[in-house]
Amino acid sequence: FLRDAHMCMYCGNDSSQAHLTRDHVQPISRGGHDCWSNVVAACRPCNTRKGSRIPEEANMPLLAVPYVPNWAEYLALSNRRILADQMDFLKSQFSGRPMPFYRQ
């Protein structure tokens, strides 16, 4: 949920963690895998609406493409206590994708 900034990747609504679900872009029932690049945050209504279809079939385009965080992004995502100078170093290692979860 942190990677996706607690935002539904279908409707764009911000949600608390209690109202978010993990959605498999390519459903497991249709050969999808449970991995970073196939999972996005989705609010319960959107996840229910999409069901076991792919986004195109459900007419629900993704707002952002799911990605695998690199090691520095993963450390920042893991919510560890990171000192300011350590975060500066980690940020220099980020892939260049926007990191909405990191607030200065």
PDB file of N, CA and C in Angstrom:
ATOM      1  N   PHE A   1       0.828  -1.199   0.000  1.00  0.00           N
ATOM      2  CA  PHE A   1       0.000   0.000   0.000  1.00  0.00           C
ATOM      3  C   PHE A   1       0.866   1.253   0.000  1.00  0.00           C
ATOM      4  N   LEU A   2       2.025   1.191   0.681  1.00  0.00           N
ATOM      5  CA  LEU A   2       2.924   2.338   0.689  1.00  0.00           C
ATOM      6  C   LEU A   2       3.426   2.648  -0.714  1.00  0.00           C
ATOM      7  N   ARG A   3       3.798   1.622  -1.462  1.00  0.00           N
ATOM      8  CA  ARG A   3       4.294   1.843  -2.824  1.00  0.00           C
ATOM      9  C   ARG A   3       3.274   2.629  -3.641  1.00  0.00           C
ATOM     10  N   ASP A   4       1.992   2.339  -3.446  1.00  0.00           N
ATOM     11  CA  ASP A   4       0.925   2.992  -4.202  1.00  0.00           C
ATOM     12  C   ASP A   4       0.327   4.186  -3.464  1.00  0.00           C
ATOM     13  N   ALA A   5       1.008   4.641  -2.403  1.00  0.00           N
ATOM     14  CA  ALA A   5       0.622   5.831  -1.633  1.00  0.00           C
ATOM     15  C   ALA A   5      -0.796   5.731  -1.068  1.00  0.00           C
ATOM     16  N   HIS A   6      -1.205   4.516  -0.678  1.00  0.00           N
ATOM     17  CA  HIS A   6      -2.543   4.293  -0.126  1.00  0.00           C
ATOM     18  C   HIS A   6      -3.638   4.831  -1.044  1.00  0.00           C
ATOM     19  N   MET A   7      -3.401   4.706  -2.343  1.00  0.00           N
ATOM     20  CA  MET A   7      -4.361   5.189  -3.326  1.00  0.00           C
ATOM     21  C   MET A   7      -4.815   4.026  -4.193  1.00  0.00           C
ATOM     22  N   CYS A   8      -6.113   3.972  -4.441  1.00  0.00           N
ATOM     23  CA  CYS A   8      -6.646   2.956  -5.345  1.00  0.00           C
ATOM     24  C   CYS A   8      -6.095   3.231  -6.737  1.00  0.00           C
ATOM     25  N   MET A   9      -5.478   2.243  -7.346  1.00  0.00           N
ATOM     26  CA  MET A   9      -4.876   2.402  -8.663  1.00  0.00           C
ATOM     27  C   MET A   9      -5.907   2.353  -9.784  1.00  0.00           C
ATOM     28  N   TYR A  10      -7.189   2.237  -9.436  1.00  0.00           N
ATOM     29  CA  TYR A  10      -8.256   2.262 -10.444  1.00  0.00           C
ATOM     30  C   TYR A  10      -9.043   3.568 -10.400  1.00  0.00           C
ATOM     31  N   CYS A  11      -9.501   3.991  -9.233  1.00  0.00           N
ATOM     32  CA  CYS A  11     -10.320   5.207  -9.147  1.00  0.00           C
ATOM     33  C   CYS A  11      -9.540   6.407  -8.622  1.00  0.00           C
ATOM     34  N   GLY A  12      -8.383   6.188  -8.000  1.00  0.00           N
ATOM     35  CA  GLY A  12      -7.564   7.275  -7.513  1.00  0.00           C
ATOM     36  C   GLY A  12      -7.922   7.787  -6.131  1.00  0.00           C
ATOM     37  N   ASN A  13      -8.916   7.182  -5.495  1.00  0.00           N
ATOM     38  CA  ASN A  13      -9.286   7.625  -4.154  1.00  0.00           C
ATOM     39  C   ASN A  13      -8.247   7.202  -3.142  1.00  0.00           C
ATOM     40  N   ASP A  14      -7.945   8.116  -2.216  1.00  0.00           N
ATOM     41  CA  ASP A  14      -7.065   7.789  -1.092  1.00  0.00           C
ATOM     42  C   ASP A  14      -7.885   7.017  -0.076  1.00  0.00           C
ATOM     43  N   SER A  15      -7.308   5.991   0.485  1.00  0.00           N
ATOM     44  CA  SER A  15      -8.013   5.168   1.461  1.00  0.00           C
ATOM     45  C   SER A  15      -7.090   4.819   2.610  1.00  0.00           C
ATOM     46  N   SER A  16      -7.685   4.519   3.737  1.00  0.00           N
ATOM     47  CA  SER A  16      -6.889   3.996   4.840  1.00  0.00           C
ATOM     48  C   SER A  16      -6.573   2.545   4.527  1.00  0.00           C
ATOM     49  N   GLN A  17      -5.576   2.022   5.202  1.00  0.00           N
ATOM     50  CA  GLN A  17      -5.178   0.644   4.958  1.00  0.00           C
ATOM     51  C   GLN A  17      -6.334  -0.324   5.201  1.00  0.00           C
ATOM     52  N   ALA A  18      -7.210   0.003   6.134  1.00  0.00           N
ATOM     53  CA  ALA A  18      -8.340  -0.874   6.448  1.00  0.00           C
ATOM     54  C   ALA A  18      -9.318  -0.989   5.282  1.00  0.00           C
ATOM     55  N   HIS A  19      -9.326   0.000   4.373  1.00  0.00           N
ATOM     56  CA  HIS A  19     -10.265  -0.011   3.255  1.00  0.00           C
ATOM     57  C   HIS A  19      -9.638  -0.405   1.930  1.00  0.00           C
ATOM     58  N   LEU A  20      -8.360  -0.756   1.963  1.00  0.00           N
ATOM     59  CA  LEU A  20      -7.671  -1.163   0.740  1.00  0.00           C
ATOM     60  C   LEU A  20      -7.549  -2.675   0.650  1.00  0.00           C
ATOM     61  N   THR A  21      -7.466  -3.142  -0.570  1.00  0.00           N
ATOM     62  CA  THR A  21      -7.226  -4.554  -0.841  1.00  0.00           C
ATOM     63  C   THR A  21      -6.077  -4.642  -1.840  1.00  0.00           C
ATOM     64  N   ARG A  22      -5.513  -5.826  -1.944  1.00  0.00           N
ATOM     65  CA  ARG A  22      -4.499  -6.093  -2.966  1.00  0.00           C
ATOM     66  C   ARG A  22      -5.224  -6.680  -4.163  1.00  0.00           C
ATOM     67  N   ASP A  23      -5.051  -6.077  -5.312  1.00  0.00           N
ATOM     68  CA  ASP A  23      -5.673  -6.614  -6.517  1.00  0.00           C
ATOM     69  C   ASP A  23      -4.600  -7.158  -7.439  1.00  0.00           C
ATOM     70  N   HIS A  24      -4.844  -8.338  -7.958  1.00  0.00           N
ATOM     71  CA  HIS A  24      -3.946  -8.922  -8.957  1.00  0.00           C
ATOM     72  C   HIS A  24      -4.403  -8.419 -10.323  1.00  0.00           C
ATOM     73  N   VAL A  25      -3.562  -7.644 -10.983  1.00  0.00           N
ATOM     74  CA  VAL A  25      -3.902  -7.069 -12.282  1.00  0.00           C
ATOM     75  C   VAL A  25      -4.286  -8.188 -13.244  1.00  0.00           C
ATOM     76  N   GLN A  26      -3.435  -9.165 -13.380  1.00  0.00           N
ATOM     77  CA  GLN A  26      -3.755 -10.395 -14.119  1.00  0.00           C
ATOM     78  C   GLN A  26      -4.194 -11.388 -13.049  1.00  0.00           C
ATOM     79  N   PRO A  27      -5.481 -11.691 -12.972  1.00  0.00           N
ATOM     80  CA  PRO A  27      -5.967 -12.550 -11.883  1.00  0.00           C
ATOM     81  C   PRO A  27      -5.221 -13.885 -11.796  1.00  0.00           C
ATOM     82  N   ILE A  28      -5.018 -14.340 -10.581  1.00  0.00           N
ATOM     83  CA  ILE A  28      -4.359 -15.638 -10.351  1.00  0.00           C
ATOM     84  C   ILE A  28      -5.147 -16.743 -11.059  1.00  0.00           C
ATOM     85  N   SER A  29      -6.472 -16.624 -11.044  1.00  0.00           N
ATOM     86  CA  SER A  29      -7.317 -17.645 -11.679  1.00  0.00           C
ATOM     87  C   SER A  29      -7.115 -17.696 -13.188  1.00  0.00           C
ATOM     88  N   ARG A  30      -6.434 -16.675 -13.730  1.00  0.00           N
ATOM     89  CA  ARG A  30      -6.185 -16.619 -15.168  1.00  0.00           C
ATOM     90  C   ARG A  30      -4.700 -16.614 -15.476  1.00  0.00           C
ATOM     91  N   GLY A  31      -3.916 -17.192 -14.562  1.00  0.00           N
ATOM     92  CA  GLY A  31      -2.485 -17.360 -14.806  1.00  0.00           C
ATOM     93  C   GLY A  31      -1.589 -16.266 -14.259  1.00  0.00           C
ATOM     94  N   GLY A  32      -2.151 -15.292 -13.548  1.00  0.00           N
ATOM     95  CA  GLY A  32      -1.341 -14.228 -12.959  1.00  0.00           C
ATOM     96  C   GLY A  32      -0.539 -14.738 -11.779  1.00  0.00           C
ATOM     97  N   HIS A  33       0.466 -13.984 -11.402  1.00  0.00           N
ATOM     98  CA  HIS A  33       1.332 -14.361 -10.284  1.00  0.00           C
ATOM     99  C   HIS A  33       1.180 -13.376  -9.133  1.00  0.00           C
ATOM    100  N   ASP A  34       1.506 -13.832  -7.937  1.00  0.00           N
ATOM    101  CA  ASP A  34       1.472 -12.983  -6.752  1.00  0.00           C
ATOM    102  C   ASP A  34       2.852 -12.359  -6.595  1.00  0.00           C
ATOM    103  N   CYS A  35       3.076 -11.251  -7.317  1.00  0.00           N
ATOM    104  CA  CYS A  35       4.377 -10.590  -7.313  1.00  0.00           C
ATOM    105  C   CYS A  35       4.173  -9.080  -7.413  1.00  0.00           C
ATOM    106  N   TRP A  36       5.219  -8.322  -7.077  1.00  0.00           N
ATOM    107  CA  TRP A  36       5.146  -6.858  -7.082  1.00  0.00           C
ATOM    108  C   TRP A  36       4.579  -6.310  -8.380  1.00  0.00           C
ATOM    109  N   SER A  37       5.025  -6.847  -9.511  1.00  0.00           N
ATOM    110  CA  SER A  37       4.641  -6.284 -10.806  1.00  0.00           C
ATOM    111  C   SER A  37       3.242  -6.681 -11.262  1.00  0.00           C
ATOM    112  N   ASN A  38       2.526  -7.477 -10.452  1.00  0.00           N
ATOM    113  CA  ASN A  38       1.160  -7.871 -10.802  1.00  0.00           C
ATOM    114  C   ASN A  38       0.156  -7.488  -9.721  1.00  0.00           C
ATOM    115  N   VAL A  39       0.584  -6.747  -8.707  1.00  0.00           N
ATOM    116  CA  VAL A  39      -0.304  -6.413  -7.598  1.00  0.00           C
ATOM    117  C   VAL A  39      -0.361  -4.893  -7.424  1.00  0.00           C
ATOM    118  N   VAL A  40      -1.575  -4.382  -7.234  1.00  0.00           N
ATOM    119  CA  VAL A  40      -1.769  -2.954  -6.958  1.00  0.00           C
ATOM    120  C   VAL A  40      -2.729  -2.792  -5.791  1.00  0.00           C
ATOM    121  N   ALA A  41      -2.703  -1.611  -5.183  1.00  0.00           N
ATOM    122  CA  ALA A  41      -3.676  -1.265  -4.153  1.00  0.00           C
ATOM    123  C   ALA A  41      -4.995  -0.928  -4.851  1.00  0.00           C
ATOM    124  N   ALA A  42      -6.092  -1.410  -4.279  1.00  0.00           N
ATOM    125  CA  ALA A  42      -7.421  -1.119  -4.836  1.00  0.00           C
ATOM    126  C   ALA A  42      -8.416  -0.995  -3.698  1.00  0.00           C
ATOM    127  N   CYS A  43      -9.318  -0.042  -3.820  1.00  0.00           N
ATOM    128  CA  CYS A  43     -10.380   0.048  -2.815  1.00  0.00           C
ATOM    129  C   CYS A  43     -11.313  -1.148  -3.005  1.00  0.00           C
ATOM    130  N   ARG A  44     -12.033  -1.484  -1.968  1.00  0.00           N
ATOM    131  CA  ARG A  44     -12.904  -2.655  -2.041  1.00  0.00           C
ATOM    132  C   ARG A  44     -13.929  -2.574  -3.177  1.00  0.00           C
ATOM    133  N   PRO A  45     -14.598  -1.411  -3.377  1.00  0.00           N
ATOM    134  CA  PRO A  45     -15.565  -1.366  -4.484  1.00  0.00           C
ATOM    135  C   PRO A  45     -14.927  -1.617  -5.851  1.00  0.00           C
ATOM    136  N   CYS A  46     -13.752  -1.047  -6.095  1.00  0.00           N
ATOM    137  CA  CYS A  46     -13.089  -1.262  -7.386  1.00  0.00           C
ATOM    138  C   CYS A  46     -12.630  -2.710  -7.541  1.00  0.00           C
ATOM    139  N   ASN A  47     -12.088  -3.292  -6.484  1.00  0.00           N
ATOM    140  CA  ASN A  47     -11.631  -4.673  -6.564  1.00  0.00           C
ATOM    141  C   ASN A  47     -12.817  -5.597  -6.841  1.00  0.00           C
ATOM    142  N   THR A  48     -13.943  -5.340  -6.201  1.00  0.00           N
ATOM    143  CA  THR A  48     -15.146  -6.150  -6.431  1.00  0.00           C
ATOM    144  C   THR A  48     -15.646  -5.960  -7.854  1.00  0.00           C
ATOM    145  N   ARG A  49     -15.669  -4.707  -8.314  1.00  0.00           N
ATOM    146  CA  ARG A  49     -16.153  -4.414  -9.665  1.00  0.00           C
ATOM    147  C   ARG A  49     -15.286  -5.081 -10.727  1.00  0.00           C
ATOM    148  N   LYS A  50     -13.961  -5.045 -10.527  1.00  0.00           N
ATOM    149  CA  LYS A  50     -13.049  -5.656 -11.500  1.00  0.00           C
ATOM    150  C   LYS A  50     -13.183  -7.173 -11.491  1.00  0.00           C
ATOM    151  N   GLY A  51     -13.352  -7.744 -10.310  1.00  0.00           N
ATOM    152  CA  GLY A  51     -13.522  -9.197 -10.218  1.00  0.00           C
ATOM    153  C   GLY A  51     -12.344  -9.952 -10.784  1.00  0.00           C
ATOM    154  N   SER A  52     -12.624 -10.997 -11.531  1.00  0.00           N
ATOM    155  CA  SER A  52     -11.559 -11.849 -12.086  1.00  0.00           C
ATOM    156  C   SER A  52     -11.265 -11.502 -13.539  1.00  0.00           C
ATOM    157  N   ARG A  53     -11.441 -10.235 -13.870  1.00  0.00           N
ATOM    158  CA  ARG A  53     -11.139  -9.778 -15.230  1.00  0.00           C
ATOM    159  C   ARG A  53      -9.835  -8.980 -15.212  1.00  0.00           C
ATOM    160  N   ILE A  54      -9.268  -8.765 -16.386  1.00  0.00           N
ATOM    161  CA  ILE A  54      -8.132  -7.867 -16.492  1.00  0.00           C
ATOM    162  C   ILE A  54      -8.689  -6.446 -16.616  1.00  0.00           C
ATOM    163  N   PRO A  55      -7.885  -5.425 -16.308  1.00  0.00           N
ATOM    164  CA  PRO A  55      -8.404  -4.054 -16.327  1.00  0.00           C
ATOM    165  C   PRO A  55      -9.098  -3.653 -17.638  1.00  0.00           C
ATOM    166  N   GLU A  56      -8.568  -4.085 -18.762  1.00  0.00           N
ATOM    167  CA  GLU A  56      -9.163  -3.725 -20.048  1.00  0.00           C
ATOM    168  C   GLU A  56     -10.561  -4.319 -20.197  1.00  0.00           C
ATOM    169  N   GLU A  57     -10.739  -5.549 -19.765  1.00  0.00           N
ATOM    170  CA  GLU A  57     -12.051  -6.192 -19.856  1.00  0.00           C
ATOM    171  C   GLU A  57     -13.075  -5.515 -18.954  1.00  0.00           C
ATOM    172  N   ALA A  58     -12.618  -5.010 -17.818  1.00  0.00           N
ATOM    173  CA  ALA A  58     -13.508  -4.353 -16.859  1.00  0.00           C
ATOM    174  C   ALA A  58     -13.663  -2.863 -17.170  1.00  0.00           C
ATOM    175  N   ASN A  59     -12.979  -2.373 -18.214  1.00  0.00           N
ATOM    176  CA  ASN A  59     -12.977  -0.950 -18.557  1.00  0.00           C
ATOM    177  C   ASN A  59     -12.518  -0.108 -17.360  1.00  0.00           C
ATOM    178  N   MET A  60     -11.447  -0.577 -16.715  1.00  0.00           N
ATOM    179  CA  MET A  60     -10.884   0.080 -15.531  1.00  0.00           C
ATOM    180  C   MET A  60      -9.376   0.216 -15.714  1.00  0.00           C
ATOM    181  N   PRO A  61      -8.925   1.193 -16.489  1.00  0.00           N
ATOM    182  CA  PRO A  61      -7.473   1.327 -16.711  1.00  0.00           C
ATOM    183  C   PRO A  61      -6.737   1.671 -15.424  1.00  0.00           C
ATOM    184  N   LEU A  62      -5.527   1.167 -15.315  1.00  0.00           N
ATOM    185  CA  LEU A  62      -4.669   1.466 -14.160  1.00  0.00           C
ATOM    186  C   LEU A  62      -4.177   2.910 -14.235  1.00  0.00           C
ATOM    187  N   LEU A  63      -4.091   3.559 -13.088  1.00  0.00           N
ATOM    188  CA  LEU A  63      -3.557   4.917 -13.019  1.00  0.00           C
ATOM    189  C   LEU A  63      -2.039   4.919 -13.022  1.00  0.00           C
ATOM    190  N   ALA A  64      -1.422   3.823 -12.592  1.00  0.00           N
ATOM    191  CA  ALA A  64       0.033   3.687 -12.573  1.00  0.00           C
ATOM    192  C   ALA A  64       0.380   2.218 -12.776  1.00  0.00           C
ATOM    193  N   VAL A  65       1.480   1.969 -13.418  1.00  0.00           N
ATOM    194  CA  VAL A  65       1.930   0.605 -13.670  1.00  0.00           C
ATOM    195  C   VAL A  65       2.620   0.080 -12.416  1.00  0.00           C
ATOM    196  N   PRO A  66       2.252  -1.118 -11.947  1.00  0.00           N
ATOM    197  CA  PRO A  66       2.941  -1.678 -10.776  1.00  0.00           C
ATOM    198  C   PRO A  66       4.393  -1.980 -11.117  1.00  0.00           C
ATOM    199  N   TYR A  67       5.263  -1.815 -10.124  1.00  0.00           N
ATOM    200  CA  TYR A  67       6.691  -2.034 -10.357  1.00  0.00           C
ATOM    201  C   TYR A  67       7.320  -2.719  -9.147  1.00  0.00           C
ATOM    202  N   VAL A  68       8.485  -3.284  -9.378  1.00  0.00           N
ATOM    203  CA  VAL A  68       9.273  -3.909  -8.328  1.00  0.00           C
ATOM    204  C   VAL A  68      10.227  -2.859  -7.780  1.00  0.00           C
ATOM    205  N   PRO A  69      10.116  -2.517  -6.486  1.00  0.00           N
ATOM    206  CA  PRO A  69      11.042  -1.530  -5.925  1.00  0.00           C
ATOM    207  C   PRO A  69      12.475  -2.055  -5.921  1.00  0.00           C
ATOM    208  N   ASN A  70      13.445  -1.148  -6.163  1.00  0.00           N
ATOM    209  CA  ASN A  70      14.834  -1.583  -6.039  1.00  0.00           C
ATOM    210  C   ASN A  70      15.175  -1.666  -4.546  1.00  0.00           C
ATOM    211  N   TRP A  71      16.411  -2.019  -4.215  1.00  0.00           N
ATOM    212  CA  TRP A  71      16.769  -2.261  -2.806  1.00  0.00           C
ATOM    213  C   TRP A  71      16.595  -1.011  -1.952  1.00  0.00           C
ATOM    214  N   ALA A  72      16.928   0.161  -2.475  1.00  0.00           N
ATOM    215  CA  ALA A  72      16.802   1.400  -1.700  1.00  0.00           C
ATOM    216  C   ALA A  72      15.331   1.750  -1.484  1.00  0.00           C
ATOM    217  N   GLU A  73      14.534   1.603  -2.527  1.00  0.00           N
ATOM    218  CA  GLU A  73      13.094   1.862  -2.410  1.00  0.00           C
ATOM    219  C   GLU A  73      12.462   0.885  -1.423  1.00  0.00           C
ATOM    220  N   TYR A  74      12.902  -0.376  -1.480  1.00  0.00           N
ATOM    221  CA  TYR A  74      12.361  -1.378  -0.567  1.00  0.00           C
ATOM    222  C   TYR A  74      12.660  -1.019   0.886  1.00  0.00           C
ATOM    223  N   LEU A  75      13.883  -0.568   1.165  1.00  0.00           N
ATOM    224  CA  LEU A  75      14.228  -0.159   2.531  1.00  0.00           C
ATOM    225  C   LEU A  75      13.340   0.998   2.994  1.00  0.00           C
ATOM    226  N   ALA A  76      13.129   1.972   2.132  1.00  0.00           N
ATOM    227  CA  ALA A  76      12.270   3.099   2.486  1.00  0.00           C
ATOM    228  C   ALA A  76      10.826   2.637   2.675  1.00  0.00           C
ATOM    229  N   LEU A  77      10.367   1.725   1.818  1.00  0.00           N
ATOM    230  CA  LEU A  77       8.999   1.201   1.925  1.00  0.00           C
ATOM    231  C   LEU A  77       8.793   0.361   3.178  1.00  0.00           C
ATOM    232  N   SER A  78       9.857  -0.276   3.660  1.00  0.00           N
ATOM    233  CA  SER A  78       9.710  -1.200   4.792  1.00  0.00           C
ATOM    234  C   SER A  78       9.485  -0.479   6.113  1.00  0.00           C
ATOM    235  N   ASN A  79       9.450   0.854   6.064  1.00  0.00           N
ATOM    236  CA  ASN A  79       9.082   1.650   7.238  1.00  0.00           C
ATOM    237  C   ASN A  79      10.090   1.538   8.368  1.00  0.00           C
ATOM    238  N   ARG A  80      11.337   1.366   8.046  1.00  0.00           N
ATOM    239  CA  ARG A  80      12.387   1.311   9.061  1.00  0.00           C
ATOM    240  C   ARG A  80      12.690   2.724   9.546  1.00  0.00           C
ATOM    241  N   ARG A  81      13.294   2.807  10.689  1.00  0.00           N
ATOM    242  CA  ARG A  81      13.735   4.121  11.184  1.00  0.00           C
ATOM    243  C   ARG A  81      15.014   4.492  10.461  1.00  0.00           C
ATOM    244  N   ILE A  82      14.888   5.435   9.558  1.00  0.00           N
ATOM    245  CA  ILE A  82      16.012   5.825   8.725  1.00  0.00           C
ATOM    246  C   ILE A  82      16.375   7.266   9.064  1.00  0.00           C
ATOM    247  N   LEU A  83      17.650   7.489   9.387  1.00  0.00           N
ATOM    248  CA  LEU A  83      18.135   8.830   9.707  1.00  0.00           C
ATOM    249  C   LEU A  83      18.169   9.689   8.443  1.00  0.00           C
ATOM    250  N   ALA A  84      18.134  11.001   8.629  1.00  0.00           N
ATOM    251  CA  ALA A  84      18.067  11.929   7.495  1.00  0.00           C
ATOM    252  C   ALA A  84      19.215  11.717   6.514  1.00  0.00           C
ATOM    253  N   ASP A  85      20.455  11.573   7.014  1.00  0.00           N
ATOM    254  CA  ASP A  85      21.576  11.392   6.092  1.00  0.00           C
ATOM    255  C   ASP A  85      21.499  10.036   5.387  1.00  0.00           C
ATOM    256  N   GLN A  86      20.956   9.034   6.076  1.00  0.00           N
ATOM    257  CA  GLN A  86      20.771   7.735   5.432  1.00  0.00           C
ATOM    258  C   GLN A  86      19.705   7.842   4.339  1.00  0.00           C
ATOM    259  N   MET A  87      18.622   8.592   4.617  1.00  0.00           N
ATOM    260  CA  MET A  87      17.570   8.756   3.624  1.00  0.00           C
ATOM    261  C   MET A  87      18.086   9.514   2.414  1.00  0.00           C
ATOM    262  N   ASP A  88      18.956  10.502   2.632  1.00  0.00           N
ATOM    263  CA  ASP A  88      19.546  11.222   1.503  1.00  0.00           C
ATOM    264  C   ASP A  88      20.303  10.256   0.598  1.00  0.00           C
ATOM    265  N   PHE A  89      21.072   9.345   1.212  1.00  0.00           N
ATOM    266  CA  PHE A  89      21.796   8.351   0.415  1.00  0.00           C
ATOM    267  C   PHE A  89      20.812   7.430  -0.309  1.00  0.00           C
ATOM    268  N   LEU A  90      19.808   6.928   0.407  1.00  0.00           N
ATOM    269  CA  LEU A  90      18.837   6.028  -0.220  1.00  0.00           C
ATOM    270  C   LEU A  90      18.139   6.720  -1.391  1.00  0.00           C
ATOM    271  N   LYS A  91      17.734   7.982  -1.193  1.00  0.00           N
ATOM    272  CA  LYS A  91      17.057   8.710  -2.262  1.00  0.00           C
ATOM    273  C   LYS A  91      17.925   8.808  -3.504  1.00  0.00           C
ATOM    274  N   SER A  92      19.235   8.900  -3.322  1.00  0.00           N
ATOM    275  CA  SER A  92      20.130   8.975  -4.474  1.00  0.00           C
ATOM    276  C   SER A  92      20.148   7.660  -5.253  1.00  0.00           C
ATOM    277  N   GLN A  93      19.677   6.593  -4.629  1.00  0.00           N
ATOM    278  CA  GLN A  93      19.656   5.269  -5.263  1.00  0.00           C
ATOM    279  C   GLN A  93      18.290   4.911  -5.850  1.00  0.00           C
ATOM    280  N   PHE A  94      17.284   5.774  -5.622  1.00  0.00           N
ATOM    281  CA  PHE A  94      15.942   5.496  -6.147  1.00  0.00           C
ATOM    282  C   PHE A  94      15.986   5.467  -7.668  1.00  0.00           C
ATOM    283  N   SER A  95      15.048   4.773  -8.255  1.00  0.00           N
ATOM    284  CA  SER A  95      15.034   4.536  -9.694  1.00  0.00           C
ATOM    285  C   SER A  95      14.639   5.743 -10.536  1.00  0.00           C
ATOM    286  N   GLY A  96      14.149   6.789  -9.920  1.00  0.00           N
ATOM    287  CA  GLY A  96      13.689   7.941 -10.685  1.00  0.00           C
ATOM    288  C   GLY A  96      12.177   7.986 -10.799  1.00  0.00           C
ATOM    289  N   ARG A  97      11.506   6.909 -10.400  1.00  0.00           N
ATOM    290  CA  ARG A  97      10.038   6.913 -10.357  1.00  0.00           C
ATOM    291  C   ARG A  97       9.606   7.789  -9.198  1.00  0.00           C
ATOM    292  N   PRO A  98       8.455   8.418  -9.299  1.00  0.00           N
ATOM    293  CA  PRO A  98       7.963   9.198  -8.162  1.00  0.00           C
ATOM    294  C   PRO A  98       7.771   8.287  -6.945  1.00  0.00           C
ATOM    295  N   MET A  99       8.140   8.765  -5.784  1.00  0.00           N
ATOM    296  CA  MET A  99       8.002   7.996  -4.558  1.00  0.00           C
ATOM    297  C   MET A  99       6.998   8.721  -3.658  1.00  0.00           C
ATOM    298  N   PRO A 100       5.709   8.548  -3.903  1.00  0.00           N
ATOM    299  CA  PRO A 100       4.695   9.322  -3.179  1.00  0.00           C
ATOM    300  C   PRO A 100       4.645   9.041  -1.700  1.00  0.00           C
ATOM    301  N   PHE A 101       5.163   7.914  -1.246  1.00  0.00           N
ATOM    302  CA  PHE A 101       5.102   7.552   0.161  1.00  0.00           C
ATOM    303  C   PHE A 101       6.107   8.333   0.988  1.00  0.00           C
ATOM    304  N   TYR A 102       7.157   8.887   0.351  1.00  0.00           N
ATOM    305  CA  TYR A 102       8.210   9.574   1.100  1.00  0.00           C
ATOM    306  C   TYR A 102       7.886  11.056   1.185  1.00  0.00           C
ATOM    307  N   ARG A 103       7.675  11.523   2.385  1.00  0.00           N
ATOM    308  CA  ARG A 103       7.381  12.938   2.597  1.00  0.00           C
ATOM    309  C   ARG A 103       8.553  13.577   3.325  1.00  0.00           C
ATOM    310  N   GLN A 104       9.019  14.705   2.827  1.00  0.00           N
ATOM    311  CA  GLN A 104      10.140  15.391   3.461  1.00  0.00           C
ATOM    312  C   GLN A 104       9.667  16.216   4.629  1.00  0.00           C
TER     313      GLN A 104
END
